C-alpha cells in the first residue's frame, strides 16, 4: 500500500484540474500559480504510483486508472470536508450536547434559551430539575454542564454568574381579604399557611420565609408539596393556602387567584453555576448568550473555608 501524502491540498489540485480539464483553469479557480497545481499533481502521482492524467496541448484528461482514483478520492474528500466542518462546528458550540440543571422557573430563562436555540439549534439540550444545592453539586461533579440556581452554595471552586434579581410575589385566593391590595408584606401573611414546592426553587423560598418571619415563639406555617408551580397555584385557588412565586406566573395558571408583589427587599437572585474546567464549547456559547441577554457580570470562584 503506498504511503499516503500528508498534504491534502494535492487531492484538491487533482480534483479541480479534472473538473476543468486544465491545470491553468484549476489554478485560476484555486487562486494559486499554475506551476503549483501541476507540481502538486505530479507529487500526488508519485505518491500513488499511478499516472492520473494524460497531458496534451489542448489540456488534460484523466487516464482510466486516474478516473477511478479521482472518483474514489472525491468521495473521501467530501467525507473529510464534512468531518472537518463538523469538528469546527462542535468547537464553536454549534453542535453537541448540553445538560442543564434548573431550580428556578424555566420561563425566567426563556430569552436566554430562545437566543441559544436560534444560533445553536444543532445542540441537544437536556434539562434536569433540582434544588439549588443539588444543582450546584451536580455542576461541581460535572454531571451537568451548568446549573441555574436561586441561591449560591459553597460547593467548591465553581464559577458563578449573577444573572438578575427577581421580585417575590404572593399568590392569594381571589376571595382573600387582601386580594385587592397593591402590595403585601410578610407581617400581613403571618397567620397564613404557605404551600411551597419541595423541589426547584421551593427550598430557597422556604429558607427566605424562615429568615423573614421567624421570631421567638413564632414559626411560619409551611407545607412542602412535590408538585410544580402551576399545581401550587391551583391549590391556592382551591383554598390549600398561599404561595410565593418569583417572576410572573403563566397566565393560564392564575385563574381563581391574585398575584401581589411583596413589599420590601424580597427578591431572589438568579445565578448560573458551572465548573471552569468544563471544556464543553456549547457551555461557553450559552454563557456568552446569558451575559449578553442579561448584562450579567462574573463572580469570582467560591471556595470552601
Protein backbone atom coordinates (compact mmCIF):
# COMPACT_ATOMS: atom_id res chain seq x y z
CA UNK A 1 0.00 0.00 0.00
CA UNK A 2 1.52 3.39 -0.96
CA UNK A 3 2.34 5.89 1.76
CA UNK A 4 -0.43 8.48 1.93
CA UNK A 5 0.53 12.13 1.43
CA UNK A 6 0.12 14.44 4.37
CA UNK A 7 -0.84 17.45 2.26
CA UNK A 8 -4.49 17.07 1.30
CA UNK A 9 -4.24 20.09 -0.98
CA UNK A 10 -2.79 17.74 -3.59
CA UNK A 11 -6.11 15.92 -3.81
CA UNK A 12 -7.90 19.22 -4.30
CA UNK A 13 -5.48 20.23 -7.07
CA UNK A 14 -6.17 16.96 -8.87
CA UNK A 15 -9.95 17.05 -8.39
CA UNK A 16 -10.32 20.65 -9.58
CA UNK A 17 -8.00 20.02 -12.52
CA UNK A 18 -10.09 17.03 -13.62
CA UNK A 19 -13.27 19.09 -13.27
CA UNK A 20 -11.95 21.90 -15.50
CA UNK A 21 -9.74 19.85 -17.83
CA UNK A 22 -6.82 22.21 -17.35
CA UNK A 23 -4.13 22.98 -14.79
CA UNK A 24 -4.36 26.65 -15.80
CA UNK A 25 -8.10 26.86 -15.17
CA UNK A 26 -7.73 24.91 -11.93
CA UNK A 27 -5.05 27.36 -10.77
CA UNK A 28 -7.37 30.29 -11.50
CA UNK A 29 -10.20 28.69 -9.51
CA UNK A 30 -7.88 27.85 -6.61
CA UNK A 31 -6.14 31.24 -6.76
CA UNK A 32 -2.65 29.73 -6.95
CA UNK A 33 0.09 29.57 -9.59
CA UNK A 34 -0.36 27.08 -12.45
CA UNK A 35 3.05 25.62 -11.62
CA UNK A 36 1.88 24.95 -8.05
CA UNK A 37 -1.04 22.89 -9.36
CA UNK A 38 0.97 20.95 -11.94
CA UNK A 39 3.78 20.19 -9.45
CA UNK A 40 1.21 19.21 -6.84
CA UNK A 41 -0.49 16.76 -9.20
CA UNK A 42 2.91 15.28 -10.15
CA UNK A 43 3.70 14.83 -6.46
CA UNK A 44 0.38 13.06 -5.92
CA UNK A 45 1.04 10.77 -8.90
CA UNK A 46 4.42 9.83 -7.41
CA UNK A 47 2.84 9.01 -4.07
CA UNK A 48 0.07 6.83 -5.51
CA UNK A 49 2.39 5.47 -8.25
CA UNK A 50 -0.26 5.98 -10.90
CA UNK A 51 -0.37 8.45 -13.79
CA UNK A 52 -3.64 10.27 -13.17
CA UNK A 53 -3.79 12.48 -16.29
CA UNK A 54 -2.97 12.37 -19.95
CA UNK A 55 -1.35 15.69 -20.79
CA UNK A 56 -1.67 17.23 -24.26
CA UNK A 57 -1.57 20.67 -25.84
CA UNK A 58 -5.36 21.16 -25.52
CA UNK A 59 -5.39 20.40 -21.79
CA UNK A 60 -5.54 17.30 -19.61
CA UNK A 61 -7.77 14.25 -19.37
CA UNK A 62 -7.86 11.61 -16.61
CA UNK A 63 -6.42 8.22 -17.50
CA UNK A 64 -8.65 5.21 -16.91
CA UNK A 65 -6.80 4.49 -13.65
CA UNK A 66 -6.88 8.20 -12.79
CA UNK A 67 -10.61 8.40 -13.47
CA UNK A 68 -11.31 5.59 -10.97
CA UNK A 69 -8.87 7.02 -8.42
CA UNK A 70 -10.35 10.51 -8.62
CA UNK A 71 -13.88 9.15 -8.27
CA UNK A 72 -12.94 7.42 -5.01
CA UNK A 73 -10.85 10.37 -3.87
CA UNK A 74 -13.77 12.76 -4.40
CA UNK A 75 -15.95 10.68 -2.09
CA UNK A 76 -13.24 10.57 0.56
CA UNK A 77 -12.53 14.29 0.21
CA UNK A 78 -16.22 15.10 0.69
CA UNK A 79 -16.34 12.94 3.83
CA UNK A 80 -13.19 14.60 5.15
CA UNK A 81 -14.55 18.08 4.43
CA UNK A 82 -17.78 17.27 6.28
CA UNK A 83 -15.84 15.76 9.19
CA UNK A 84 -13.64 18.85 9.47
CA UNK A 85 -16.67 21.12 9.24
CA UNK A 86 -18.47 19.17 11.96
CA UNK A 87 -15.39 19.25 14.20
CA UNK A 88 -15.16 23.02 13.77
CA UNK A 89 -18.88 23.39 14.49
CA UNK A 90 -18.50 21.33 17.66
CA UNK A 91 -15.60 23.51 18.72
CA UNK A 92 -17.74 26.61 18.17
CA UNK A 93 -20.57 25.06 20.20
CA UNK A 94 -22.94 24.84 17.23
CA UNK A 95 -23.41 21.07 17.65
CA UNK A 96 -23.08 18.71 20.58
CA UNK A 97 -24.90 18.18 23.85
CA UNK A 98 -25.61 20.35 26.89
CA UNK A 99 -27.07 19.17 30.19
CA UNK A 100 -28.67 21.91 32.29
CA UNK A 101 -29.89 21.77 35.88
CA UNK A 102 -32.74 24.18 36.64
CA UNK A 103 -34.10 25.08 40.07
CA UNK A 104 -35.64 28.42 39.02
CA UNK A 105 -38.78 28.61 36.83
CA UNK A 106 -37.62 27.93 33.29
CA UNK A 107 -39.76 30.80 32.00
CA UNK A 108 -37.28 33.21 33.62
CA UNK A 109 -34.59 31.84 31.29
CA UNK A 110 -36.80 32.00 28.20
CA UNK A 111 -34.92 34.78 26.38
CA UNK A 112 -31.54 33.16 27.00
CA UNK A 113 -32.58 29.75 25.68
CA UNK A 114 -34.58 31.20 22.79
CA UNK A 115 -31.47 33.00 21.55
CA UNK A 116 -29.32 29.96 22.18
CA UNK A 117 -31.69 27.74 20.21
CA UNK A 118 -31.73 30.22 17.31
CA UNK A 119 -27.95 30.38 16.98
CA UNK A 120 -27.06 26.86 18.18
CA UNK A 121 -30.00 24.75 17.04
CA UNK A 122 -27.70 21.76 16.48
CA UNK A 123 -27.03 21.41 20.22
CA UNK A 124 -29.18 18.86 22.06
CA UNK A 125 -30.25 20.33 25.43
CA UNK A 126 -31.31 18.10 28.34
CA UNK A 127 -32.98 19.72 31.36
CA UNK A 128 -32.75 18.33 34.89
CA UNK A 129 -35.00 19.82 37.60
CA UNK A 130 -33.35 20.01 41.01
CA UNK A 131 -32.93 22.23 44.04
CA UNK A 132 -30.28 24.96 44.06
CA UNK A 133 -27.99 22.95 46.35
CA UNK A 134 -28.35 19.76 44.33
CA UNK A 135 -27.88 21.61 41.05
CA UNK A 136 -24.65 23.24 42.24
CA UNK A 137 -23.38 19.84 43.39
CA UNK A 138 -24.22 18.30 40.01
CA UNK A 139 -22.32 21.10 38.27
CA UNK A 140 -19.30 20.56 40.51
CA UNK A 141 -19.39 16.83 39.76
CA UNK A 142 -19.73 17.63 36.02
CA UNK A 143 -22.93 15.56 35.98
CA UNK A 144 -24.49 18.66 34.40
CA UNK A 145 -22.73 21.37 32.41
CA UNK A 146 -24.41 24.29 34.17
CA UNK A 147 -26.95 24.85 36.93
CA UNK A 148 -29.35 27.79 37.11
CA UNK A 149 -29.99 28.36 40.79
CA UNK A 150 -31.71 30.77 43.15
CA UNK A 151 -29.05 30.59 45.84
CA UNK A 152 -25.28 30.14 45.75
CA UNK A 153 -23.90 27.29 47.83
CA UNK A 154 -20.27 26.77 48.85
CA UNK A 155 -19.73 23.66 46.74
CA UNK A 156 -16.05 24.08 45.92
CA UNK A 157 -14.28 26.05 43.23
CA UNK A 158 -17.29 26.60 40.98
CA UNK A 159 -17.68 29.59 38.71
CA UNK A 160 -20.85 31.63 39.02
CA UNK A 161 -22.60 34.33 37.06
CA UNK A 162 -25.24 36.59 38.59
CA UNK A 163 -28.00 36.89 36.01
CA UNK A 164 -30.73 39.00 37.57
CA UNK A 165 -32.83 39.62 40.66
CA UNK A 166 -36.48 38.60 40.58
CA UNK A 167 -39.07 40.10 42.94
CA UNK A 168 -41.11 37.71 45.03
CA UNK A 169 -44.87 37.73 44.56
CA UNK A 170 -47.57 36.46 46.92
CA UNK A 171 -50.29 34.30 45.36
CA UNK A 172 -53.60 34.53 47.20
CA UNK A 173 -57.11 33.23 46.51
CA UNK A 174 -59.38 35.86 44.91
CA UNK A 175 -61.61 35.57 47.98
CA UNK A 176 -58.76 36.56 50.32
CA UNK A 177 -59.29 39.83 52.31
CA UNK A 178 -56.01 41.19 50.88
CA UNK A 179 -56.88 40.32 47.28
CA UNK A 180 -57.31 43.98 46.36
CA UNK A 181 -54.03 45.18 47.89
CA UNK A 182 -51.33 46.74 45.69
CA UNK A 183 -48.60 45.22 47.88
CA UNK A 184 -48.45 42.93 50.89
CA UNK A 185 -45.74 42.19 53.43
CA UNK A 186 -44.94 39.10 55.43
CA UNK A 187 -46.46 40.58 58.58
CA UNK A 188 -49.79 40.71 56.72
CA UNK A 189 -49.44 36.97 55.99
CA UNK A 190 -48.09 35.76 59.33
CA UNK A 191 -51.21 33.67 60.06
CA UNK A 192 -51.40 32.07 56.60
CA UNK A 193 -50.40 28.54 55.67
CA UNK A 194 -47.70 28.70 52.99
CA UNK A 195 -47.56 25.90 50.45
CA UNK A 196 -44.26 25.55 48.58
CA UNK A 197 -42.65 23.08 46.21
CA UNK A 198 -40.30 20.53 47.77
CA UNK A 199 -38.08 20.77 44.68
CA UNK A 200 -36.94 23.52 42.36
CA UNK A 201 -36.98 26.96 43.97
CA UNK A 202 -39.16 25.80 46.88
CA UNK A 203 -36.37 25.20 49.44
CA UNK A 204 -34.85 28.63 48.69
CA UNK A 205 -38.23 30.30 49.27
CA UNK A 206 -38.70 28.26 52.44
CA UNK A 207 -35.36 29.48 53.77
CA UNK A 208 -36.25 33.08 52.91
CA UNK A 209 -39.60 32.78 54.68
CA UNK A 210 -37.94 31.36 57.79
CA UNK A 211 -35.44 34.24 57.93
CA UNK A 212 -38.04 36.96 57.41
CA UNK A 213 -40.90 35.60 59.52
CA UNK A 214 -39.42 33.51 62.34
CA UNK A 215 -39.46 35.23 65.71
CA UNK A 216 -39.14 33.99 69.28
CA UNK A 217 -42.22 31.88 69.90
CA UNK A 218 -43.40 32.03 66.29
CA UNK A 219 -42.66 29.96 63.19
CA UNK A 220 -44.45 30.37 59.84
CA UNK A 221 -46.71 27.51 58.77
CA UNK A 222 -45.13 25.88 55.74
CA UNK A 223 -46.14 22.73 53.89
CA UNK A 224 -43.95 21.32 51.13
CA UNK A 225 -45.55 19.52 48.20
CA UNK A 226 -43.87 17.55 45.41
CA UNK A 227 -45.64 19.48 42.66
CA UNK A 228 -44.71 22.24 40.25
CA UNK A 229 -45.62 25.92 40.30
CA UNK A 230 -48.82 25.59 38.24
CA UNK A 231 -50.25 22.94 40.56
CA UNK A 232 -49.32 25.00 43.62
CA UNK A 233 -51.24 27.96 42.21
CA UNK A 234 -54.23 25.72 41.50
CA UNK A 235 -54.02 24.52 45.11
CA UNK A 236 -54.11 28.17 46.27
CA UNK A 237 -57.28 28.71 44.24
CA UNK A 238 -58.81 25.69 46.00
CA UNK A 239 -58.03 27.03 49.46
CA UNK A 240 -54.99 24.93 50.45
CA UNK A 241 -53.04 28.03 51.48
CA UNK A 242 -50.99 30.80 49.88
CA UNK A 243 -47.73 30.53 47.99
CA UNK A 244 -44.80 32.61 46.82
CA UNK A 245 -43.54 32.81 43.23
CA UNK A 246 -40.75 34.74 41.56
CA UNK A 247 -41.40 36.50 38.30
CA UNK A 248 -44.76 36.44 36.59
CA UNK A 249 -46.55 33.06 36.60
CA UNK A 250 -48.13 31.76 33.38
CA UNK A 251 -51.48 33.43 32.67
CA UNK A 252 -53.19 30.05 32.37
CA UNK A 253 -52.21 29.25 35.97
CA UNK A 254 -53.72 32.36 37.56
CA UNK A 255 -57.46 31.63 37.35
CA UNK A 256 -59.02 31.95 40.80
CA UNK A 257 -56.03 33.71 42.36
CA UNK A 258 -54.42 37.14 42.59
CA UNK A 259 -50.67 37.77 42.32
CA UNK A 260 -49.47 40.65 44.51
CA UNK A 261 -45.89 41.97 44.87
CA UNK A 262 -44.28 41.54 48.27
CA UNK A 263 -43.21 44.87 49.80
CA UNK A 264 -39.65 45.46 50.92
CA UNK A 265 -36.47 43.72 49.89
CA UNK A 266 -38.00 40.41 48.96
CA UNK A 267 -36.20 39.25 45.84
CA UNK A 268 -34.30 36.17 44.78
CA UNK A 269 -31.04 36.32 42.85
CA UNK A 270 -30.68 34.03 39.83
CA UNK A 271 -27.22 32.61 39.14
CA UNK A 272 -25.57 30.28 36.65
CA UNK A 273 -23.08 27.89 38.24
CA UNK A 274 -20.53 25.72 36.41
CA UNK A 275 -17.01 24.31 36.66
CA UNK A 276 -14.36 26.38 34.94
CA UNK A 277 -12.59 23.15 33.93
CA UNK A 278 -15.58 22.08 31.82
CA UNK A 279 -14.37 22.21 28.17
CA UNK A 280 -17.81 21.90 26.51
CA UNK A 281 -17.92 24.60 23.78
CA UNK A 282 -21.73 24.65 23.94
CA UNK A 283 -21.46 25.70 27.60
CA UNK A 284 -19.28 28.68 26.68
CA UNK A 285 -21.75 29.64 23.95
CA UNK A 286 -24.70 29.51 26.38
CA UNK A 287 -22.87 31.58 28.99
CA UNK A 288 -21.91 34.19 26.38
CA UNK A 289 -25.57 34.49 25.39
CA UNK A 290 -26.62 34.69 29.06
CA UNK A 291 -24.17 37.56 29.60
CA UNK A 292 -25.33 39.39 26.50
CA UNK A 293 -29.02 38.86 27.28
CA UNK A 294 -28.97 39.84 30.96
CA UNK A 295 -26.00 42.21 31.02
CA UNK A 296 -24.55 39.94 33.73
CA UNK A 297 -21.03 40.02 35.15
CA UNK A 298 -18.78 37.29 36.52
CA UNK A 299 -18.47 36.43 40.18
CA UNK A 300 -15.20 35.04 41.49
CA UNK A 301 -14.88 31.29 42.17
CA UNK A 302 -16.26 30.22 45.53
CA UNK A 303 -14.05 28.09 47.76
CA UNK A 304 -14.78 26.21 50.94
CA UNK A 305 -13.39 27.74 54.10
